[in-house]
Amino acid sequence: METAAQAVLDVRAKFQATDAAGKQAATLADLYDPLTMPPELLKAHQKLDADVDKAYEASGGKKVYKSDAERVAFLFELYQKLTSLLPADKQKQKLSAKLTMNK
């Protein structure tokens, strides 16, 4: 995965190099425009996505996602599970019990 991430950075750097006058060739907005994204950058991101997907399969991730939004939703849900001390339902129950006791 680290190699794939570095490949994305390397491809971006190639397109963002400055010319002899010091003008940047492409901005990130230019590079990530869906209509003009360089195929080499798209391929590098697809490889990175595949590596990330494979790494998270053991945590319940899918082998293939329908969209980037689905992948990001899974990663945020996993992040929430890993960083919260109690599952969301138990947190709500605990808060509800506290509020009831304070009446």
Foldseek 3Di string as FASTA:
>chain_A
DVVLVVQLVVVVCVQQPADPVRHGRDDVCQCPDVVRNDPSNVVSVVVVVQVVQVVCVVVVGDNDDPDVVRVVVVVVVVVCVVPDPDPPVVVVVVVVVVVVVVD
